[in-house]
């Protein structure tokens, strides 16, 4: 994992220096004098040799300094900490819906293979996988907000609610901890549409993966033996076949969750969700290199940590891997 992060740091640094844009000029503005631009370049260390610039950047990372945003003039780490709770809350909610729906539809599709249930689930999964997120977001907004007026169109909470302590930054958890039912219900209402949009996109892939993996397990000899000794079909599926079929699903689960954390730019933009997606989109439009590099590094850390968690989950799910690890 260390080599991966070191390579990521080096690559992002090199790319940021290859782009023909002067960060000092971006900070100073178009009408700043050359002396002001030169002073900013000296302050940022951009007048030093490339190897010295990388050394300064790496030393800052070791201190937890991701640099200062050109746009907000605040430390990048503070900006990410400000926007991360909204994205984490959205990703957790979407993943909960996606896993629940993927498991239910995938199991039903495998158990009732080639029936009308299977055909319907496969059709829904195909539509979900192939639907663009922006189009799905528009449909959800038109139906649930425009036609039925059941859910708000954007934001995280009603602006007229009284402020509450935010120990976690996750409004649903903070509302529950503060025993504020109004905050909890408002946060849930605002969270429903964007999390449903993200969940529907990944749910189809989960259902197809679980169906394929479960069908493979249902064809094994131990399943036929379990049925022969008198176990019911659903007990055999839920108690024995399904746990053994979850290994590939765990891999996809971790990668999908990382993707929700780092790639929900379109969904957050469509629903006005104040998360990291909107932050990095603005940073890209303004060529805010410190913000882009800091976000890229955080993405790399997230993927590296989740891959480590996936490997540990393999040991819990597969007894054969535990035996190999012990030996």
C-alpha atoms as a PDB file:
ATOM      1  CA  UNK A   1       0.000   0.000   0.000  1.00  0.00           C
ATOM      2  CA  UNK A   2       2.888   2.343   0.763  1.00  0.00           C
ATOM      3  CA  UNK A   3       4.381   1.932  -2.710  1.00  0.00           C
ATOM      4  CA  UNK A   4       1.002   2.656  -4.300  1.00  0.00           C
ATOM      5  CA  UNK A   5       0.569   5.889  -2.357  1.00  0.00           C
ATOM      6  CA  UNK A   6       4.163   6.948  -3.047  1.00  0.00           C
ATOM      7  CA  UNK A   7       3.626   6.374  -6.756  1.00  0.00           C
ATOM      8  CA  UNK A   8       0.345   8.291  -6.639  1.00  0.00           C
ATOM      9  CA  UNK A   9       2.020  11.249  -4.924  1.00  0.00           C
ATOM     10  CA  UNK A  10       4.804  11.321  -7.505  1.00  0.00           C
ATOM     11  CA  UNK A  11       2.459  11.021 -10.495  1.00  0.00           C
ATOM     12  CA  UNK A  12       0.054  13.738  -9.323  1.00  0.00           C
ATOM     13  CA  UNK A  13       2.970  16.063  -8.590  1.00  0.00           C
ATOM     14  CA  UNK A  14       4.497  15.547 -12.034  1.00  0.00           C
ATOM     15  CA  UNK A  15       1.161  16.044 -13.802  1.00  0.00           C
ATOM     16  CA  UNK A  16       0.511  19.264 -11.880  1.00  0.00           C
ATOM     17  CA  UNK A  17       3.863  20.621 -13.046  1.00  0.00           C
ATOM     18  CA  UNK A  18       3.396  19.555 -16.663  1.00  0.00           C
ATOM     19  CA  UNK A  19       0.124  21.470 -17.107  1.00  0.00           C
ATOM     20  CA  UNK A  20       0.974  24.824 -18.750  1.00  0.00           C
ATOM     21  CA  UNK A  21      -0.615  27.016 -16.082  1.00  0.00           C
ATOM     22  CA  UNK A  22       1.073  29.212 -13.499  1.00  0.00           C
ATOM     23  CA  UNK A  23      -0.475  28.774 -10.009  1.00  0.00           C
ATOM     24  CA  UNK A  24       1.112  32.055  -8.920  1.00  0.00           C
ATOM     25  CA  UNK A  25      -0.699  33.896 -11.711  1.00  0.00           C
ATOM     26  CA  UNK A  26      -3.988  32.216 -10.732  1.00  0.00           C
ATOM     27  CA  UNK A  27      -3.565  33.396  -7.155  1.00  0.00           C
ATOM     28  CA  UNK A  28      -2.436  36.919  -8.044  1.00  0.00           C
ATOM     29  CA  UNK A  29      -5.078  37.487 -10.704  1.00  0.00           C
ATOM     30  CA  UNK A  30      -4.922  38.563 -14.313  1.00  0.00           C
ATOM     31  CA  UNK A  31      -4.064  42.195 -13.571  1.00  0.00           C
ATOM     32  CA  UNK A  32      -1.275  41.633 -11.030  1.00  0.00           C
ATOM     33  CA  UNK A  33       2.147  43.042 -11.800  1.00  0.00           C
ATOM     34  CA  UNK A  34       5.065  40.715 -12.619  1.00  0.00           C
ATOM     35  CA  UNK A  35       6.681  41.618  -9.292  1.00  0.00           C
ATOM     36  CA  UNK A  36       3.620  40.419  -7.362  1.00  0.00           C
ATOM     37  CA  UNK A  37       3.510  37.178  -9.351  1.00  0.00           C
ATOM     38  CA  UNK A  38       7.232  36.640  -8.772  1.00  0.00           C
ATOM     39  CA  UNK A  39       6.789  37.195  -5.036  1.00  0.00           C
ATOM     40  CA  UNK A  40       3.983  34.623  -4.895  1.00  0.00           C
ATOM     41  CA  UNK A  41       6.089  32.157  -6.877  1.00  0.00           C
ATOM     42  CA  UNK A  42       8.894  32.599  -4.371  1.00  0.00           C
ATOM     43  CA  UNK A  43       6.484  32.199  -1.445  1.00  0.00           C
ATOM     44  CA  UNK A  44       5.122  28.949  -2.911  1.00  0.00           C
ATOM     45  CA  UNK A  45       8.599  27.679  -3.740  1.00  0.00           C
ATOM     46  CA  UNK A  46       7.818  27.513  -7.454  1.00  0.00           C
ATOM     47  CA  UNK A  47      11.096  29.236  -8.293  1.00  0.00           C
ATOM     48  CA  UNK A  48      13.080  26.317  -6.885  1.00  0.00           C
ATOM     49  CA  UNK A  49      14.289  23.276  -8.849  1.00  0.00           C
ATOM     50  CA  UNK A  50      11.685  20.564  -9.425  1.00  0.00           C
ATOM     51  CA  UNK A  51      13.319  18.114  -7.023  1.00  0.00           C
ATOM     52  CA  UNK A  52      13.244  20.710  -4.241  1.00  0.00           C
ATOM     53  CA  UNK A  53       9.583  21.447  -4.961  1.00  0.00           C
ATOM     54  CA  UNK A  54       8.765  17.754  -4.620  1.00  0.00           C
ATOM     55  CA  UNK A  55      10.742  17.521  -1.375  1.00  0.00           C
ATOM     56  CA  UNK A  56       8.818  20.464   0.095  1.00  0.00           C
ATOM     57  CA  UNK A  57       5.517  18.943  -1.039  1.00  0.00           C
ATOM     58  CA  UNK A  58       6.364  15.512   0.421  1.00  0.00           C
ATOM     59  CA  UNK A  59       7.476  17.026   3.733  1.00  0.00           C
ATOM     60  CA  UNK A  60       4.182  18.890   3.923  1.00  0.00           C
ATOM     61  CA  UNK A  61       2.245  15.665   3.340  1.00  0.00           C
ATOM     62  CA  UNK A  62       4.111  14.004   6.199  1.00  0.00           C
ATOM     63  CA  UNK A  63       2.883  16.824   8.440  1.00  0.00           C
ATOM     64  CA  UNK A  64      -0.676  16.390   7.163  1.00  0.00           C
ATOM     65  CA  UNK A  65      -0.478  19.537   5.023  1.00  0.00           C
ATOM     66  CA  UNK A  66      -2.164  19.099   1.637  1.00  0.00           C
ATOM     67  CA  UNK A  67      -1.517  22.695   0.680  1.00  0.00           C
ATOM     68  CA  UNK A  68      -3.728  25.766   0.522  1.00  0.00           C
ATOM     69  CA  UNK A  69      -6.623  26.020  -1.900  1.00  0.00           C
ATOM     70  CA  UNK A  70      -6.236  28.727  -4.520  1.00  0.00           C
ATOM     71  CA  UNK A  71      -9.997  29.303  -4.620  1.00  0.00           C
ATOM     72  CA  UNK A  72     -10.997  29.275  -0.950  1.00  0.00           C
ATOM     73  CA  UNK A  73      -7.619  30.397   0.500  1.00  0.00           C
ATOM     74  CA  UNK A  74      -8.081  27.759   3.197  1.00  0.00           C
ATOM     75  CA  UNK A  75      -6.042  24.603   3.864  1.00  0.00           C
ATOM     76  CA  UNK A  76      -7.189  21.823   1.546  1.00  0.00           C
ATOM     77  CA  UNK A  77      -7.430  19.398   4.462  1.00  0.00           C
ATOM     78  CA  UNK A  78      -9.925  21.758   6.155  1.00  0.00           C
ATOM     79  CA  UNK A  79     -11.991  22.061   2.972  1.00  0.00           C
ATOM     80  CA  UNK A  80     -12.125  18.285   2.532  1.00  0.00           C
ATOM     81  CA  UNK A  81     -13.055  17.812   6.191  1.00  0.00           C
ATOM     82  CA  UNK A  82     -15.855  20.335   5.703  1.00  0.00           C
ATOM     83  CA  UNK A  83     -17.386  18.623   2.658  1.00  0.00           C
ATOM     84  CA  UNK A  84     -16.569  14.980   3.465  1.00  0.00           C
ATOM     85  CA  UNK A  85     -19.406  14.332   6.000  1.00  0.00           C
ATOM     86  CA  UNK A  86     -22.077  15.121   3.397  1.00  0.00           C
ATOM     87  CA  UNK A  87     -20.509  12.745   0.876  1.00  0.00           C
ATOM     88  CA  UNK A  88     -19.997  10.021   3.487  1.00  0.00           C
ATOM     89  CA  UNK A  89     -23.632  10.261   4.603  1.00  0.00           C
ATOM     90  CA  UNK A  90     -24.819  10.086   0.998  1.00  0.00           C
ATOM     91  CA  UNK A  91     -22.556   7.129   0.160  1.00  0.00           C
ATOM     92  CA  UNK A  92     -23.539   5.159   3.270  1.00  0.00           C
ATOM     93  CA  UNK A  93     -27.248   5.656   2.616  1.00  0.00           C
ATOM     94  CA  UNK A  94     -26.928   4.775  -1.069  1.00  0.00           C
ATOM     95  CA  UNK A  95     -24.830   1.710  -0.307  1.00  0.00           C
ATOM     96  CA  UNK A  96     -27.382   0.488   2.258  1.00  0.00           C
ATOM     97  CA  UNK A  97     -30.190   0.721  -0.299  1.00  0.00           C
ATOM     98  CA  UNK A  98     -28.043  -0.779  -3.043  1.00  0.00           C
ATOM     99  CA  UNK A  99     -26.885  -3.769  -0.998  1.00  0.00           C
ATOM    100  CA  UNK A 100     -30.386  -4.514   0.293  1.00  0.00           C
ATOM    101  CA  UNK A 101     -31.932  -4.313  -3.169  1.00  0.00           C
ATOM    102  CA  UNK A 102     -29.072  -6.160  -4.855  1.00  0.00           C
ATOM    103  CA  UNK A 103     -29.229  -9.044  -2.390  1.00  0.00           C
ATOM    104  CA  UNK A 104     -33.007  -9.399  -2.576  1.00  0.00           C
ATOM    105  CA  UNK A 105     -33.244  -9.181  -6.362  1.00  0.00           C
ATOM    106  CA  UNK A 106     -30.132 -11.269  -6.948  1.00  0.00           C
ATOM    107  CA  UNK A 107     -31.284 -14.101  -4.702  1.00  0.00           C
ATOM    108  CA  UNK A 108     -34.800 -14.105  -6.165  1.00  0.00           C
ATOM    109  CA  UNK A 109     -33.396 -14.139  -9.691  1.00  0.00           C
ATOM    110  CA  UNK A 110     -31.111 -17.094  -8.920  1.00  0.00           C
ATOM    111  CA  UNK A 111     -33.664 -19.150  -6.991  1.00  0.00           C
ATOM    112  CA  UNK A 112     -36.359 -18.666  -9.636  1.00  0.00           C
ATOM    113  CA  UNK A 113     -34.022 -18.998 -12.602  1.00  0.00           C
ATOM    114  CA  UNK A 114     -35.668 -18.591 -16.035  1.00  0.00           C
ATOM    115  CA  UNK A 115     -39.032 -17.708 -14.489  1.00  0.00           C
ATOM    116  CA  UNK A 116     -40.858 -14.426 -15.017  1.00  0.00           C
ATOM    117  CA  UNK A 117     -39.299 -13.179 -11.766  1.00  0.00           C
ATOM    118  CA  UNK A 118     -35.827 -13.857 -13.149  1.00  0.00           C
ATOM    119  CA  UNK A 119     -36.632 -12.154 -16.433  1.00  0.00           C
ATOM    120  CA  UNK A 120     -38.065  -9.102 -14.665  1.00  0.00           C
ATOM    121  CA  UNK A 121     -35.083  -8.767 -12.328  1.00  0.00           C
ATOM    122  CA  UNK A 122     -32.627  -9.078 -15.198  1.00  0.00           C
ATOM    123  CA  UNK A 123     -34.511  -6.430 -17.165  1.00  0.00           C
ATOM    124  CA  UNK A 124     -34.541  -4.037 -14.205  1.00  0.00           C
ATOM    125  CA  UNK A 125     -30.838  -4.695 -13.582  1.00  0.00           C
ATOM    126  CA  UNK A 126     -29.956  -4.004 -17.206  1.00  0.00           C
ATOM    127  CA  UNK A 127     -31.924  -0.750 -17.198  1.00  0.00           C
ATOM    128  CA  UNK A 128     -30.310   0.338 -13.930  1.00  0.00           C
ATOM    129  CA  UNK A 129     -26.781  -0.368 -15.129  1.00  0.00           C
ATOM    130  CA  UNK A 130     -27.246   1.383 -18.475  1.00  0.00           C
ATOM    131  CA  UNK A 131     -29.137   4.476 -17.291  1.00  0.00           C
ATOM    132  CA  UNK A 132     -27.053   7.694 -17.108  1.00  0.00           C
ATOM    133  CA  UNK A 133     -27.018   9.144 -13.616  1.00  0.00           C
ATOM    134  CA  UNK A 134     -28.010  12.661 -14.727  1.00  0.00           C
ATOM    135  CA  UNK A 135     -31.070  11.347 -16.591  1.00  0.00           C
ATOM    136  CA  UNK A 136     -32.115   9.205 -13.641  1.00  0.00           C
ATOM    137  CA  UNK A 137     -31.714  12.198 -11.339  1.00  0.00           C
ATOM    138  CA  UNK A 138     -33.949  14.286 -13.604  1.00  0.00           C
ATOM    139  CA  UNK A 139     -36.630  11.585 -13.626  1.00  0.00           C
ATOM    140  CA  UNK A 140     -36.581  11.312  -9.835  1.00  0.00           C
ATOM    141  CA  UNK A 141     -36.813  15.089  -9.449  1.00  0.00           C
ATOM    142  CA  UNK A 142     -39.647  15.405 -11.964  1.00  0.00           C
ATOM    143  CA  UNK A 143     -41.681  12.623 -10.370  1.00  0.00           C
ATOM    144  CA  UNK A 144     -41.071  12.861  -6.618  1.00  0.00           C
ATOM    145  CA  UNK A 145     -40.602  16.650  -6.443  1.00  0.00           C
ATOM    146  CA  UNK A 146     -42.292  18.100  -9.505  1.00  0.00           C
ATOM    147  CA  UNK A 147     -45.377  15.846  -9.646  1.00  0.00           C
ATOM    148  CA  UNK A 148     -45.877  14.409  -6.158  1.00  0.00           C
ATOM    149  CA  UNK A 149     -44.021  17.056  -4.108  1.00  0.00           C
ATOM    150  CA  UNK A 150     -43.009  14.371  -1.616  1.00  0.00           C
ATOM    151  CA  UNK A 151     -39.319  15.174  -1.241  1.00  0.00           C
ATOM    152  CA  UNK A 152     -37.254  18.373  -1.465  1.00  0.00           C
ATOM    153  CA  UNK A 153     -35.230  19.071  -4.591  1.00  0.00           C
ATOM    154  CA  UNK A 154     -31.854  19.788  -3.014  1.00  0.00           C
ATOM    155  CA  UNK A 155     -29.766  20.592   0.029  1.00  0.00           C
ATOM    156  CA  UNK A 156     -29.181  18.549   3.173  1.00  0.00           C
ATOM    157  CA  UNK A 157     -31.688  20.028   5.608  1.00  0.00           C
ATOM    158  CA  UNK A 158     -34.423  22.660   5.840  1.00  0.00           C
ATOM    159  CA  UNK A 159     -32.763  26.085   6.311  1.00  0.00           C
ATOM    160  CA  UNK A 160     -35.343  27.202   8.874  1.00  0.00           C
ATOM    161  CA  UNK A 161     -34.391  24.498  11.382  1.00  0.00           C
ATOM    162  CA  UNK A 162     -32.492  25.571  14.462  1.00  0.00           C
ATOM    163  CA  UNK A 163     -28.777  24.851  14.491  1.00  0.00           C
ATOM    164  CA  UNK A 164     -27.672  21.733  16.310  1.00  0.00           C
ATOM    165  CA  UNK A 165     -24.319  20.408  17.508  1.00  0.00           C
ATOM    166  CA  UNK A 166     -22.550  18.425  14.785  1.00  0.00           C
ATOM    167  CA  UNK A 167     -20.102  16.023  16.426  1.00  0.00           C
ATOM    168  CA  UNK A 168     -20.056  13.798  13.335  1.00  0.00           C
ATOM    169  CA  UNK A 169     -21.240  16.105  10.548  1.00  0.00           C
ATOM    170  CA  UNK A 170     -23.746  13.416   9.515  1.00  0.00           C
ATOM    171  CA  UNK A 171     -27.108  15.107  10.009  1.00  0.00           C
ATOM    172  CA  UNK A 172     -29.101  11.934  10.582  1.00  0.00           C
ATOM    173  CA  UNK A 173     -26.744  10.722  13.294  1.00  0.00           C
ATOM    174  CA  UNK A 174     -26.395  14.176  14.842  1.00  0.00           C
ATOM    175  CA  UNK A 175     -30.172  14.626  14.848  1.00  0.00           C
ATOM    176  CA  UNK A 176     -30.639  11.259  16.550  1.00  0.00           C
ATOM    177  CA  UNK A 177     -27.951  12.034  19.148  1.00  0.00           C
ATOM    178  CA  UNK A 178     -29.572  15.398  19.899  1.00  0.00           C
ATOM    179  CA  UNK A 179     -33.041  13.772  20.057  1.00  0.00           C
ATOM    180  CA  UNK A 180     -34.240  16.176  17.366  1.00  0.00           C
ATOM    181  CA  UNK A 181     -36.979  14.439  15.420  1.00  0.00           C
ATOM    182  CA  UNK A 182     -37.468  17.449  13.156  1.00  0.00           C
ATOM    183  CA  UNK A 183     -33.812  17.408  12.133  1.00  0.00           C
ATOM    184  CA  UNK A 184     -33.837  13.650  11.617  1.00  0.00           C
ATOM    185  CA  UNK A 185     -36.943  13.696   9.425  1.00  0.00           C
ATOM    186  CA  UNK A 186     -35.717  16.672   7.392  1.00  0.00           C
ATOM    187  CA  UNK A 187     -32.294  15.092   6.845  1.00  0.00           C
ATOM    188  CA  UNK A 188     -33.912  11.821   5.784  1.00  0.00           C
ATOM    189  CA  UNK A 189     -36.244  13.576   3.339  1.00  0.00           C
ATOM    190  CA  UNK A 190     -33.378  15.494   1.731  1.00  0.00           C
ATOM    191  CA  UNK A 191     -31.210  12.367   1.612  1.00  0.00           C
ATOM    192  CA  UNK A 192     -33.740  10.058  -0.024  1.00  0.00           C
ATOM    193  CA  UNK A 193     -33.636  11.175  -3.668  1.00  0.00           C
ATOM    194  CA  UNK A 194     -29.842  11.508  -4.140  1.00  0.00           C
ATOM    195  CA  UNK A 195     -29.164   8.251  -2.290  1.00  0.00           C
ATOM    196  CA  UNK A 196     -31.857   6.476  -4.333  1.00  0.00           C
ATOM    197  CA  UNK A 197     -30.280   7.808  -7.532  1.00  0.00           C
ATOM    198  CA  UNK A 198     -26.849   6.477  -6.563  1.00  0.00           C
ATOM    199  CA  UNK A 199     -28.296   3.192  -5.294  1.00  0.00           C
ATOM    200  CA  UNK A 200     -30.286   2.397  -8.434  1.00  0.00           C
ATOM    201  CA  UNK A 201     -27.168   2.763 -10.576  1.00  0.00           C
ATOM    202  CA  UNK A 202     -25.182   0.177  -8.583  1.00  0.00           C
ATOM    203  CA  UNK A 203     -28.070  -2.046  -7.486  1.00  0.00           C
ATOM    204  CA  UNK A 204     -28.430  -3.632 -10.920  1.00  0.00           C
ATOM    205  CA  UNK A 205     -24.775  -4.606 -11.005  1.00  0.00           C
ATOM    206  CA  UNK A 206     -25.006  -6.092  -7.521  1.00  0.00           C
ATOM    207  CA  UNK A 207     -28.083  -8.130  -8.457  1.00  0.00           C
ATOM    208  CA  UNK A 208     -26.429  -9.537 -11.582  1.00  0.00           C
ATOM    209  CA  UNK A 209     -23.248 -10.411  -9.699  1.00  0.00           C
ATOM    210  CA  UNK A 210     -25.096 -12.147  -6.856  1.00  0.00           C
ATOM    211  CA  UNK A 211     -27.276 -14.047  -9.318  1.00  0.00           C
ATOM    212  CA  UNK A 212     -24.290 -15.396 -11.248  1.00  0.00           C
ATOM    213  CA  UNK A 213     -22.313 -16.299  -8.130  1.00  0.00           C
ATOM    214  CA  UNK A 214     -25.286 -17.895  -6.374  1.00  0.00           C
ATOM    215  CA  UNK A 215     -26.225 -19.965  -9.428  1.00  0.00           C
ATOM    216  CA  UNK A 216     -22.693 -21.352  -9.456  1.00  0.00           C
ATOM    217  CA  UNK A 217     -22.990 -22.356  -5.805  1.00  0.00           C
ATOM    218  CA  UNK A 218     -26.444 -23.877  -6.276  1.00  0.00           C
ATOM    219  CA  UNK A 219     -24.969 -26.247  -8.841  1.00  0.00           C
ATOM    220  CA  UNK A 220     -22.426 -27.714  -6.419  1.00  0.00           C
ATOM    221  CA  UNK A 221     -22.744 -31.135  -4.844  1.00  0.00           C
ATOM    222  CA  UNK A 222     -23.093 -29.949  -1.243  1.00  0.00           C
ATOM    223  CA  UNK A 223     -26.319 -28.140  -2.163  1.00  0.00           C
ATOM    224  CA  UNK A 224     -27.797 -31.312  -3.628  1.00  0.00           C
ATOM    225  CA  UNK A 225     -26.693 -33.192  -0.506  1.00  0.00           C
ATOM    226  CA  UNK A 226     -28.350 -30.620   1.746  1.00  0.00           C
ATOM    227  CA  UNK A 227     -31.606 -30.933  -0.180  1.00  0.00           C
ATOM    228  CA  UNK A 228     -31.368 -34.735  -0.090  1.00  0.00           C
ATOM    229  CA  UNK A 229     -31.144 -34.839   3.712  1.00  0.00           C
ATOM    230  CA  UNK A 230     -34.328 -32.783   4.012  1.00  0.00           C
ATOM    231  CA  UNK A 231     -33.310 -29.110   4.175  1.00  0.00           C
ATOM    232  CA  UNK A 232     -35.778 -26.752   2.545  1.00  0.00           C
ATOM    233  CA  UNK A 233     -34.773 -24.806  -0.537  1.00  0.00           C
ATOM    234  CA  UNK A 234     -34.672 -21.444   1.199  1.00  0.00           C
ATOM    235  CA  UNK A 235     -32.773 -22.777   4.200  1.00  0.00           C
ATOM    236  CA  UNK A 236     -30.202 -24.289   1.867  1.00  0.00           C
ATOM    237  CA  UNK A 237     -29.890 -21.050  -0.075  1.00  0.00           C
ATOM    238  CA  UNK A 238     -29.741 -18.628   2.845  1.00  0.00           C
ATOM    239  CA  UNK A 239     -27.764 -20.758   5.285  1.00  0.00           C
ATOM    240  CA  UNK A 240     -25.224 -22.406   2.994  1.00  0.00           C
ATOM    241  CA  UNK A 241     -25.163 -21.296  -0.652  1.00  0.00           C
ATOM    242  CA  UNK A 242     -25.515 -17.525  -0.207  1.00  0.00           C
ATOM    243  CA  UNK A 243     -22.642 -17.042   2.292  1.00  0.00           C
ATOM    244  CA  UNK A 244     -20.334 -19.049   0.033  1.00  0.00           C
ATOM    245  CA  UNK A 245     -21.251 -16.890  -2.967  1.00  0.00           C
ATOM    246  CA  UNK A 246     -20.498 -13.525  -1.374  1.00  0.00           C
ATOM    247  CA  UNK A 247     -16.733 -13.416  -1.982  1.00  0.00           C
ATOM    248  CA  UNK A 248     -16.876 -11.697  -5.413  1.00  0.00           C
ATOM    249  CA  UNK A 249     -19.673  -9.481  -4.114  1.00  0.00           C
ATOM    250  CA  UNK A 250     -17.438  -8.187  -1.313  1.00  0.00           C
ATOM    251  CA  UNK A 251     -14.854  -7.070  -3.863  1.00  0.00           C
ATOM    252  CA  UNK A 252     -17.438  -5.174  -5.881  1.00  0.00           C
ATOM    253  CA  UNK A 253     -18.953  -3.767  -2.699  1.00  0.00           C
ATOM    254  CA  UNK A 254     -15.700  -2.168  -1.600  1.00  0.00           C
ATOM    255  CA  UNK A 255     -14.917  -0.710  -5.011  1.00  0.00           C
ATOM    256  CA  UNK A 256     -18.467   0.597  -5.449  1.00  0.00           C
ATOM    257  CA  UNK A 257     -18.405   2.287  -2.053  1.00  0.00           C
ATOM    258  CA  UNK A 258     -15.107   3.958  -2.894  1.00  0.00           C
ATOM    259  CA  UNK A 259     -16.630   5.062  -6.189  1.00  0.00           C
ATOM    260  CA  UNK A 260     -19.617   6.556  -4.379  1.00  0.00           C
ATOM    261  CA  UNK A 261     -17.318   8.476  -2.056  1.00  0.00           C
ATOM    262  CA  UNK A 262     -15.168   9.889  -4.817  1.00  0.00           C
ATOM    263  CA  UNK A 263     -17.244   9.882  -7.993  1.00  0.00           C
ATOM    264  CA  UNK A 264     -20.692  11.204  -7.080  1.00  0.00           C
ATOM    265  CA  UNK A 265     -20.022  14.513  -8.837  1.00  0.00           C
ATOM    266  CA  UNK A 266     -23.043  14.343 -11.148  1.00  0.00           C
ATOM    267  CA  UNK A 267     -25.463  13.226  -8.444  1.00  0.00           C
ATOM    268  CA  UNK A 268     -24.301  15.874  -5.987  1.00  0.00           C
ATOM    269  CA  UNK A 269     -24.538  18.556  -8.668  1.00  0.00           C
ATOM    270  CA  UNK A 270     -28.042  17.544  -9.768  1.00  0.00           C
ATOM    271  CA  UNK A 271     -29.427  17.535  -6.220  1.00  0.00           C
ATOM    272  CA  UNK A 272     -27.438  20.485  -4.868  1.00  0.00           C
ATOM    273  CA  UNK A 273     -25.722  18.191  -2.371  1.00  0.00           C
ATOM    274  CA  UNK A 274     -22.825  20.062  -0.689  1.00  0.00           C
ATOM    275  CA  UNK A 275     -20.260  17.261  -0.811  1.00  0.00           C
ATOM    276  CA  UNK A 276     -16.772  16.613  -2.118  1.00  0.00           C
ATOM    277  CA  UNK A 277     -18.067  16.147  -5.655  1.00  0.00           C
ATOM    278  CA  UNK A 278     -19.054  19.787  -5.986  1.00  0.00           C
ATOM    279  CA  UNK A 279     -15.811  20.856  -4.336  1.00  0.00           C
ATOM    280  CA  UNK A 280     -13.570  18.982  -6.759  1.00  0.00           C
ATOM    281  CA  UNK A 281     -15.719  20.088  -9.706  1.00  0.00           C
ATOM    282  CA  UNK A 282     -15.162  23.721  -8.769  1.00  0.00           C
ATOM    283  CA  UNK A 283     -11.456  23.032  -8.212  1.00  0.00           C
ATOM    284  CA  UNK A 284     -11.188  21.516 -11.685  1.00  0.00           C
ATOM    285  CA  UNK A 285     -12.952  24.453 -13.324  1.00  0.00           C
ATOM    286  CA  UNK A 286     -10.636  26.970 -11.610  1.00  0.00           C
ATOM    287  CA  UNK A 287      -7.468  24.841 -11.967  1.00  0.00           C
ATOM    288  CA  UNK A 288      -7.055  24.761  -8.190  1.00  0.00           C
ATOM    289  CA  UNK A 289      -4.019  22.453  -8.212  1.00  0.00           C
ATOM    290  CA  UNK A 290      -3.577  22.050  -4.429  1.00  0.00           C
ATOM    291  CA  UNK A 291      -7.239  21.036  -4.083  1.00  0.00           C
ATOM    292  CA  UNK A 292      -7.047  18.638  -7.038  1.00  0.00           C
ATOM    293  CA  UNK A 293      -3.835  17.022  -5.782  1.00  0.00           C
ATOM    294  CA  UNK A 294      -5.140  16.759  -2.228  1.00  0.00           C
ATOM    295  CA  UNK A 295      -8.407  15.204  -3.368  1.00  0.00           C
ATOM    296  CA  UNK A 296      -6.562  12.741  -5.617  1.00  0.00           C
ATOM    297  CA  UNK A 297      -4.361  11.671  -2.727  1.00  0.00           C
ATOM    298  CA  UNK A 298      -7.390  11.192  -0.463  1.00  0.00           C
ATOM    299  CA  UNK A 299      -9.016   9.070  -3.183  1.00  0.00           C
ATOM    300  CA  UNK A 300      -5.894   6.909  -3.363  1.00  0.00           C
ATOM    301  CA  UNK A 301      -5.888   6.427   0.406  1.00  0.00           C
ATOM    302  CA  UNK A 302      -9.576   5.466   0.356  1.00  0.00           C
ATOM    303  CA  UNK A 303      -9.044   2.839  -2.340  1.00  0.00           C
ATOM    304  CA  UNK A 304      -5.937   1.451  -0.631  1.00  0.00           C
ATOM    305  CA  UNK A 305      -7.667   1.162   2.746  1.00  0.00           C
ATOM    306  CA  UNK A 306     -10.788  -0.419   1.250  1.00  0.00           C
ATOM    307  CA  UNK A 307      -8.677  -2.970  -0.627  1.00  0.00           C
ATOM    308  CA  UNK A 308      -7.044  -3.882   2.675  1.00  0.00           C
ATOM    309  CA  UNK A 309     -10.471  -4.216   4.304  1.00  0.00           C
ATOM    310  CA  UNK A 310     -11.619  -6.420   1.400  1.00  0.00           C
ATOM    311  CA  UNK A 311      -8.643  -8.741   1.906  1.00  0.00           C
ATOM    312  CA  UNK A 312      -9.500  -9.038   5.601  1.00  0.00           C
ATOM    313  CA  UNK A 313     -13.129  -9.788   4.742  1.00  0.00           C
ATOM    314  CA  UNK A 314     -11.954 -12.608   2.484  1.00  0.00           C
ATOM    315  CA  UNK A 315     -10.334 -14.247   5.510  1.00  0.00           C
ATOM    316  CA  UNK A 316     -13.636 -14.057   7.383  1.00  0.00           C
ATOM    317  CA  UNK A 317     -15.766 -15.365   4.512  1.00  0.00           C
ATOM    318  CA  UNK A 318     -13.530 -18.142   3.143  1.00  0.00           C
ATOM    319  CA  UNK A 319     -12.294 -20.770   5.650  1.00  0.00           C
ATOM    320  CA  UNK A 320      -9.769 -22.038   3.086  1.00  0.00           C
ATOM    321  CA  UNK A 321      -7.961 -18.708   3.094  1.00  0.00           C
ATOM    322  CA  UNK A 322      -7.843 -18.739   6.890  1.00  0.00           C
ATOM    323  CA  UNK A 323      -6.221 -22.167   6.844  1.00  0.00           C
ATOM    324  CA  UNK A 324      -3.660 -21.042   4.261  1.00  0.00           C
ATOM    325  CA  UNK A 325      -2.911 -17.952   6.326  1.00  0.00           C
ATOM    326  CA  UNK A 326      -2.350 -20.011   9.467  1.00  0.00           C
ATOM    327  CA  UNK A 327      -0.088 -22.473   7.696  1.00  0.00           C
END
